[in-house]
Amino acid sequence: MKGYTTIPVLYMRGGTSKGAYIGSCDLPSDPMVRDQLIMNLYGTPDKRQIDGIGGADPLTSKVAIVGPSVHEGADVDYTFGYVGIEKAEVDYEGNCGNMSAGVGVYAIMRGLVEAVAPITIVRIYNTNTNKIIEAHVPVEAGAPVIDGDFAIDGVPGTGARITLFFLEAGGSKTGRLLPTGHVKDTLTLTDGQRIEVSLVDAANPAVFVKASDIGYKGTELPSEAEADGGALLAVLEDIRTSAAVMMGLAESKATASSAVPKVCMVAPPTSYVTSDGRYIEAEQVDLLGRTKALAVMHKAYAVTGGICTATAALIPGTVVNEVVSERAKVTKQVILAHPSGQLQFEVVLTKNEESWHLAKAGVARTARPILDGMAYVRNVK
């Protein structure tokens, strides 16, 4: 078709996110041409993304690029990108744990990894963080199992359980689990307010602040944040960009990536009502967390952000450790309460005389292929 290029695309939900999974061999090798083609595919820049497959929401404007691995000990290489909505960019600074849940499924469906029943282990090299993710994907009759009885909050219905283990996930971008060497640091905000934060880098770097320290409860839902005139989003972005400079991820607040570091406000276990009207008892969870998804409040919680939160919760002295339940400190399993429900992590964290070491962190998700076919994309001019 004149003026268009066709690209094989597997459109899939991974966890609580959704986007195109594309073979690296099916995209141009030139990064600028590749990114423009991806933006054309998504209909970016446009707040409705009406002329592409983007869902006009940060959680549904994501892309996964997958191909055979060139790294020893890995089966596939995977690059994650946040596709801008109103901003013409594809941000590759951090990984997305939810989209990671679909990579093993894609690899098996595309024949990049041999299907071995009942569980196929796919070793994924994430190029954003230079870390290995081990995906345990259920398989039957040579294909991934999609249906099952495992449910995740934020997604209707149930599916097959896919377990992800993020291996040696400390220092994903900064090279250190505690980028500044401290469990707490002090930031000065634009209005002059000084607040205590914890800077942690596990699966993705993040900055944590107690909700009470910035005038919130931690039970807030995205709808409430949208109704406050952008006050919560503004203070969280101020904290996030200040932390980016302190962590060495940006030279200035103005040049900080839109996606990294993540910013999370935390609070002690508290009873609250989820976005879909369910009542969560304080005793069911270990802490509350609220985070941003680019320019809006996250409707659930990022998996990589959750791994970082769970890790921070188990490091004595962090602001997260100060609000997490005593139960989590003993079991090393952290149940995080977010606007859509709960997310559970298991963390293997040790400490020697010099530093903390994150051996691995596990989380269970589901994934589902939605559409497999050829996408018509406007040619790059």
Protein backbone atom coordinates (compact mmCIF):
# COMPACT_ATOMS: atom_id res chain seq x y z
CA MET A 1 0.00 0.00 0.00
CA LYS A 2 1.50 3.30 -1.10
CA GLY A 3 2.85 5.39 1.77
CA TYR A 4 2.71 2.56 4.30
CA THR A 5 4.97 -0.14 5.71
CA THR A 6 3.65 -3.40 7.18
CA ILE A 7 5.10 -4.72 10.44
CA PRO A 8 4.29 -8.06 12.14
CA VAL A 9 2.86 -7.21 15.58
CA LEU A 10 1.61 -9.31 18.48
CA TYR A 11 -0.65 -7.00 20.47
CA MET A 12 -0.83 -8.30 24.02
CA ARG A 13 -1.74 -7.50 27.60
CA GLY A 14 1.12 -8.05 29.98
CA GLY A 15 0.06 -7.75 33.62
CA THR A 16 -1.83 -4.47 33.99
CA SER A 17 -0.26 -2.96 30.87
CA LYS A 18 -0.82 -3.41 27.15
CA GLY A 19 1.11 -2.82 23.95
CA ALA A 20 2.78 -4.17 20.83
CA TYR A 21 5.40 -6.91 20.99
CA ILE A 22 7.58 -6.58 17.91
CA GLY A 23 10.51 -8.64 16.64
CA SER A 24 13.78 -6.72 16.62
CA CYS A 25 14.40 -8.05 13.10
CA ASP A 26 11.18 -6.40 11.90
CA LEU A 27 12.26 -2.88 12.84
CA PRO A 28 14.82 -0.58 11.19
CA SER A 29 18.33 -0.74 12.63
CA ASP A 30 18.64 3.05 12.64
CA PRO A 31 17.37 4.14 16.11
CA MET A 32 15.85 7.41 14.87
CA VAL A 33 13.96 5.73 12.03
CA ARG A 34 12.90 2.88 14.34
CA ASP A 35 11.48 5.25 16.95
CA GLN A 36 9.64 7.33 14.38
CA LEU A 37 8.10 4.15 12.95
CA ILE A 38 6.98 3.10 16.45
CA MET A 39 5.47 6.53 17.08
CA ASN A 40 3.64 6.32 13.76
CA LEU A 41 2.34 2.89 14.78
CA TYR A 42 0.97 4.31 18.04
CA GLY A 43 -0.37 7.55 16.61
CA THR A 44 2.06 9.74 18.56
CA PRO A 45 2.07 12.69 19.19
CA ASP A 46 -1.65 13.08 19.80
CA LYS A 47 -3.47 13.03 23.13
CA ARG A 48 -6.05 10.60 21.67
CA GLN A 49 -3.55 8.58 19.58
CA ILE A 50 -6.51 8.30 17.24
CA ASP A 51 -4.46 7.38 14.16
CA GLY A 52 -2.61 4.46 15.77
CA ILE A 53 -2.84 1.58 18.24
CA GLY A 54 -1.99 3.63 21.34
CA GLY A 55 -4.64 3.68 24.04
CA ALA A 56 -4.12 7.35 25.05
CA ASP A 57 -2.96 6.20 28.50
CA PRO A 58 0.59 5.56 29.79
CA LEU A 59 -0.36 1.98 30.69
CA THR A 60 -1.47 1.20 27.13
CA SER A 61 1.20 3.13 25.22
CA LYS A 62 4.09 0.74 25.69
CA VAL A 63 6.21 -1.32 23.31
CA ALA A 64 8.33 -4.46 23.73
CA ILE A 65 11.07 -5.23 21.19
CA VAL A 66 12.18 -8.86 21.35
CA GLY A 67 14.73 -10.96 19.48
CA PRO A 68 17.29 -13.77 19.86
CA SER A 69 19.79 -12.95 22.57
CA VAL A 70 23.37 -11.98 21.92
CA HIS A 71 24.14 -12.36 25.61
CA GLU A 72 25.49 -15.52 27.21
CA GLY A 73 23.00 -17.28 29.46
CA ALA A 74 19.93 -15.62 27.95
CA ASP A 75 17.38 -16.88 25.41
CA VAL A 76 16.03 -13.55 24.19
CA ASP A 77 16.91 -9.87 24.38
CA TYR A 78 14.07 -7.54 25.32
CA THR A 79 13.93 -3.76 25.12
CA PHE A 80 11.04 -1.89 26.67
CA GLY A 81 9.87 1.54 25.57
CA TYR A 82 7.33 4.05 26.88
CA VAL A 83 5.76 5.54 23.76
CA GLY A 84 4.94 9.19 24.30
CA ILE A 85 1.34 10.28 23.89
CA GLU A 86 1.40 14.05 23.40
CA LYS A 87 5.20 14.09 23.44
CA ALA A 88 7.05 12.74 20.38
CA GLU A 89 9.42 10.29 22.06
CA VAL A 90 10.06 6.66 22.92
CA ASP A 91 11.65 6.50 26.38
CA TYR A 92 13.94 3.51 26.96
CA GLU A 93 15.38 4.58 30.32
CA GLY A 94 13.67 1.92 32.45
CA ASN A 95 11.98 -1.46 32.20
CA CYS A 96 8.31 -2.35 32.72
CA GLY A 97 7.70 -5.45 34.81
CA ASN A 98 4.13 -5.85 33.59
CA MET A 99 5.13 -5.88 29.91
CA SER A 100 7.93 -8.27 30.90
CA ALA A 101 5.22 -10.82 31.72
CA GLY A 102 4.38 -11.16 28.04
CA VAL A 103 7.93 -11.56 26.73
CA GLY A 104 8.15 -15.28 27.48
CA VAL A 105 4.78 -15.86 25.83
CA TYR A 106 5.93 -13.95 22.75
CA ALA A 107 9.23 -15.84 22.60
CA ILE A 108 7.45 -19.21 22.63
CA MET A 109 4.79 -18.16 20.13
CA ARG A 110 7.43 -16.86 17.73
CA GLY A 111 9.61 -19.97 18.04
CA LEU A 112 12.49 -18.15 19.71
CA VAL A 113 12.34 -20.62 22.60
CA GLU A 114 11.32 -24.28 22.44
CA ALA A 115 8.10 -25.04 24.29
CA VAL A 116 8.67 -27.59 27.06
CA ALA A 117 5.66 -28.74 29.12
CA PRO A 118 4.51 -28.16 31.77
CA ILE A 119 6.68 -25.07 32.42
CA THR A 120 9.04 -23.41 29.97
CA ILE A 121 11.69 -21.22 31.58
CA VAL A 122 12.60 -18.27 29.38
CA ARG A 123 15.72 -16.33 30.34
CA ILE A 124 15.21 -12.73 29.24
CA TYR A 125 18.00 -10.19 28.98
CA ASN A 126 16.50 -6.75 29.55
CA THR A 127 18.59 -4.20 27.66
CA ASN A 128 17.15 -1.25 29.61
CA THR A 129 18.71 -2.45 32.86
CA ASN A 130 21.24 -5.05 31.62
CA LYS A 131 19.65 -7.60 33.96
CA ILE A 132 18.21 -11.09 33.55
CA ILE A 133 14.53 -11.86 34.13
CA GLU A 134 13.54 -15.50 34.40
CA ALA A 135 9.98 -16.12 33.19
CA HIS A 136 8.25 -19.39 34.11
CA VAL A 137 5.54 -19.83 31.47
CA PRO A 138 2.99 -22.69 31.59
CA VAL A 139 2.93 -24.68 28.34
CA GLU A 140 0.65 -27.32 26.84
CA ALA A 141 0.69 -28.95 23.39
CA GLY A 142 3.59 -26.79 22.27
CA ALA A 143 1.96 -23.46 23.06
CA PRO A 144 1.71 -21.11 26.04
CA VAL A 145 -1.25 -21.68 28.33
CA ILE A 146 -3.30 -18.50 28.58
CA ASP A 147 -6.41 -19.56 30.53
CA GLY A 148 -6.18 -20.35 34.23
CA ASP A 149 -7.53 -19.58 37.67
CA PHE A 150 -4.92 -17.01 38.75
CA ALA A 151 -6.19 -13.46 39.22
CA ILE A 152 -4.29 -10.19 39.48
CA ASP A 153 -5.85 -7.00 40.76
CA GLY A 154 -6.39 -4.45 38.03
CA VAL A 155 -7.33 -7.04 35.36
CA PRO A 156 -10.84 -8.56 35.05
CA GLY A 157 -11.13 -12.35 35.18
CA THR A 158 -8.34 -14.89 35.56
CA GLY A 159 -5.51 -16.36 33.54
CA ALA A 160 -2.53 -18.69 33.68
CA ARG A 161 0.05 -17.82 36.32
CA ILE A 162 3.36 -16.57 34.92
CA THR A 163 6.06 -16.21 37.56
CA LEU A 164 8.84 -13.69 37.00
CA PHE A 165 12.13 -13.73 38.87
CA PHE A 166 14.21 -10.58 38.53
CA LEU A 167 17.78 -11.79 39.12
CA GLU A 168 20.53 -9.66 40.66
CA ALA A 169 18.23 -6.69 40.20
CA GLY A 170 20.13 -4.24 42.42
CA GLY A 171 21.74 -1.24 40.75
CA SER A 172 19.73 -1.54 37.53
CA LYS A 173 20.66 1.97 36.33
CA THR A 174 22.97 3.47 38.95
CA GLY A 175 25.11 0.41 39.70
CA ARG A 176 24.19 0.48 43.42
CA LEU A 177 21.20 -0.73 45.39
CA LEU A 178 21.50 2.44 47.49
CA PRO A 179 22.69 5.01 44.92
CA THR A 180 23.85 7.58 47.48
CA GLY A 181 25.05 5.01 50.02
CA HIS A 182 22.42 6.22 52.50
CA VAL A 183 19.10 4.72 53.59
CA LYS A 184 17.71 8.25 53.83
CA ASP A 185 18.42 11.54 52.12
CA THR A 186 16.92 15.02 52.35
CA LEU A 187 15.52 16.84 49.31
CA THR A 188 14.68 20.52 49.03
CA LEU A 189 11.58 21.12 46.92
CA THR A 190 10.84 24.08 44.70
CA ASP A 191 8.84 25.78 47.48
CA GLY A 192 11.75 25.41 49.91
CA GLN A 193 10.25 22.50 51.86
CA ARG A 194 12.79 19.90 53.00
CA ILE A 195 11.61 16.29 53.13
CA GLU A 196 13.14 12.93 53.94
CA VAL A 197 13.26 10.39 51.13
CA SER A 198 14.89 7.05 50.38
CA LEU A 199 16.62 6.43 47.06
CA VAL A 200 16.74 2.77 46.03
CA ASP A 201 17.66 1.09 42.73
CA ALA A 202 16.16 -2.39 42.37
CA ALA A 203 14.74 -3.47 38.97
CA ASN A 204 14.26 0.26 38.38
CA PRO A 205 15.50 3.22 40.43
CA ALA A 206 12.89 4.90 42.60
CA VAL A 207 12.50 7.61 45.20
CA PHE A 208 10.21 7.00 48.19
CA VAL A 209 8.46 9.50 50.42
CA LYS A 210 5.98 9.04 53.25
CA ALA A 211 2.52 10.19 52.21
CA SER A 212 2.10 11.96 55.57
CA ASP A 213 5.23 14.05 54.94
CA ILE A 214 3.63 15.70 51.91
CA GLY A 215 0.14 16.07 53.38
CA TYR A 216 -1.58 12.90 52.13
CA LYS A 217 -2.93 9.67 53.64
CA GLY A 218 -1.67 7.15 51.08
CA THR A 219 -5.20 5.84 50.46
CA GLU A 220 -5.84 8.32 47.63
CA LEU A 221 -7.19 7.00 44.32
CA PRO A 222 -6.27 8.33 40.85
CA SER A 223 -9.67 10.03 40.59
CA GLU A 224 -8.96 12.00 43.77
CA ALA A 225 -5.56 13.06 42.46
CA GLU A 226 -7.16 14.25 39.24
CA ALA A 227 -9.68 16.29 41.21
CA ASP A 228 -7.13 18.18 43.32
CA GLY A 229 -5.98 20.42 40.49
CA GLY A 230 -2.73 18.53 39.95
CA ALA A 231 -1.26 19.33 43.37
CA LEU A 232 -0.22 15.74 44.19
CA LEU A 233 1.20 15.15 40.72
CA ALA A 234 3.19 18.38 40.94
CA VAL A 235 4.81 17.59 44.28
CA LEU A 236 5.59 14.01 43.23
CA GLU A 237 7.20 15.25 40.01
CA ASP A 238 9.21 17.79 42.00
CA ILE A 239 10.46 14.97 44.24
CA ARG A 240 11.11 12.67 41.28
CA THR A 241 13.17 15.10 39.23
CA SER A 242 15.13 16.24 42.29
CA ALA A 243 15.95 12.61 43.02
CA ALA A 244 17.03 12.04 39.41
CA VAL A 245 19.79 14.61 39.90
CA MET A 246 20.80 13.26 43.31
CA MET A 247 21.01 9.70 41.89
CA GLY A 248 23.16 10.82 38.97
CA LEU A 249 20.49 9.97 36.41
CA ALA A 250 20.20 13.53 35.09
CA GLU A 251 22.33 16.65 35.08
CA SER A 252 19.35 18.82 35.96
CA LYS A 253 15.69 18.48 36.87
CA ALA A 254 14.73 19.75 33.42
CA THR A 255 16.67 16.97 31.66
CA ALA A 256 15.33 14.09 33.78
CA SER A 257 13.72 11.19 31.91
CA SER A 258 9.93 11.09 32.01
CA ALA A 259 10.04 7.49 33.21
CA VAL A 260 13.09 7.11 35.47
CA PRO A 261 13.38 7.27 38.38
CA LYS A 262 9.96 6.26 39.60
CA VAL A 263 8.41 8.13 42.52
CA CYS A 264 6.31 6.38 45.15
CA MET A 265 4.55 7.65 48.24
CA VAL A 266 4.05 5.06 50.97
CA ALA A 267 1.96 4.69 54.10
CA PRO A 268 1.37 2.10 56.85
CA PRO A 269 -1.26 -0.63 56.35
CA THR A 270 -4.64 1.14 56.33
CA SER A 271 -8.13 -0.01 55.36
CA TYR A 272 -9.33 1.61 52.11
CA VAL A 273 -11.69 1.20 49.16
CA THR A 274 -10.21 0.31 45.75
CA SER A 275 -11.06 2.02 42.46
CA ASP A 276 -13.61 -0.72 41.71
CA GLY A 277 -15.30 -0.40 45.11
CA ARG A 278 -13.76 -3.32 47.02
CA TYR A 279 -12.91 -2.90 50.70
CA ILE A 280 -9.35 -3.85 51.66
CA GLU A 281 -8.69 -4.46 55.34
CA ALA A 282 -5.48 -3.12 56.84
CA GLU A 283 -4.64 -6.61 58.12
CA GLN A 284 -4.57 -7.98 54.55
CA VAL A 285 -1.63 -5.86 53.42
CA ASP A 286 1.84 -4.77 54.57
CA LEU A 287 1.94 -1.19 53.27
CA LEU A 288 0.18 1.24 50.94
CA GLY A 289 1.83 2.60 47.81
CA ARG A 290 0.85 5.18 45.21
CA THR A 291 2.94 6.05 42.17
CA LYS A 292 2.90 7.98 38.89
CA ALA A 293 2.70 6.64 35.35
CA LEU A 294 4.44 9.40 33.42
CA ALA A 295 2.14 12.46 33.75
CA VAL A 296 -0.80 10.79 35.55
CA MET A 297 -1.32 8.74 38.70
CA HIS A 298 -0.87 5.00 38.13
CA LYS A 299 -4.17 3.11 38.18
CA ALA A 300 -2.43 0.13 39.79
CA TYR A 301 1.33 -0.16 40.45
CA ALA A 302 4.37 -0.79 38.29
CA VAL A 303 5.90 -4.26 38.84
CA THR A 304 9.47 -2.96 38.74
CA GLY A 305 8.43 -0.13 41.04
CA GLY A 306 6.86 -2.74 43.31
CA ILE A 307 10.05 -4.78 43.41
CA CYS A 308 11.95 -1.65 44.38
CA THR A 309 9.31 -0.83 47.01
CA ALA A 310 9.41 -4.34 48.50
CA THR A 311 13.21 -4.25 48.58
CA ALA A 312 13.25 -0.84 50.24
CA ALA A 313 10.71 -2.12 52.77
CA LEU A 314 13.18 -4.74 53.98
CA ILE A 315 16.19 -2.41 54.34
CA PRO A 316 16.23 -1.04 57.91
CA GLY A 317 16.14 2.73 58.14
CA THR A 318 14.43 3.56 54.85
CA VAL A 319 11.18 5.52 54.90
CA VAL A 320 9.48 2.43 53.48
CA ASN A 321 10.86 0.19 56.22
CA GLU A 322 9.43 2.62 58.77
CA VAL A 323 5.86 2.09 57.52
CA VAL A 324 5.86 -1.60 56.47
CA SER A 325 4.27 -4.22 58.73
CA GLU A 326 6.36 -6.24 61.16
CA ARG A 327 4.97 -9.38 59.45
CA ALA A 328 6.73 -8.51 56.18
CA LYS A 329 10.05 -8.00 57.94
CA VAL A 330 9.84 -11.58 59.21
CA THR A 331 8.40 -13.40 56.18
CA LYS A 332 10.34 -11.38 53.54
CA GLN A 333 7.10 -11.33 51.56
CA VAL A 334 5.58 -7.91 50.98
CA ILE A 335 1.91 -7.36 50.09
CA LEU A 336 1.64 -3.90 48.58
CA ALA A 337 -1.77 -2.20 48.42
CA HIS A 338 -2.38 -0.01 45.36
CA PRO A 339 -5.48 1.72 43.90
CA SER A 340 -6.67 -1.45 42.13
CA GLY A 341 -5.91 -3.92 44.93
CA GLN A 342 -2.86 -5.89 46.00
CA LEU A 343 0.49 -6.99 44.61
CA GLN A 344 2.72 -9.52 46.39
CA PHE A 345 6.50 -9.81 46.17
CA GLU A 346 9.03 -12.25 47.56
CA VAL A 347 12.48 -10.78 48.08
CA VAL A 348 15.81 -12.54 48.69
CA LEU A 349 17.95 -9.82 50.27
CA THR A 350 21.21 -10.29 52.19
CA LYS A 351 23.77 -8.00 53.79
CA ASN A 352 27.49 -8.31 54.26
CA GLU A 353 29.80 -5.92 56.09
CA GLU A 354 29.87 -3.49 53.19
CA SER A 355 26.49 -3.51 51.46
CA TRP A 356 23.10 -5.04 50.78
CA HIS A 357 22.70 -7.62 48.01
CA LEU A 358 19.43 -8.33 46.18
CA ALA A 359 19.76 -11.90 44.85
CA LYS A 360 16.31 -12.04 43.31
CA ALA A 361 12.75 -10.83 43.57
CA GLY A 362 9.69 -12.80 42.47
CA VAL A 363 6.22 -11.73 41.37
CA ALA A 364 3.34 -13.51 39.61
CA ARG A 365 1.43 -12.02 36.69
CA THR A 366 -0.78 -13.07 33.77
CA ALA A 367 -0.57 -12.19 30.07
CA ARG A 368 -2.88 -12.60 27.10
CA PRO A 369 -2.37 -12.23 23.34
CA ILE A 370 -5.13 -10.04 21.91
CA LEU A 371 -4.26 -9.68 18.23
CA ASP A 372 -1.59 -11.17 16.00
CA GLY A 373 -1.15 -9.74 12.51
CA MET A 374 0.28 -7.08 10.24
CA ALA A 375 0.11 -3.42 11.21
CA TYR A 376 -0.07 -0.73 8.54
CA VAL A 377 2.28 2.05 9.56
CA ARG A 378 2.86 5.36 7.81
CA ASN A 379 6.28 5.48 6.17
CA VAL A 380 8.94 7.54 7.89
CA LYS A 381 9.62 10.67 5.86
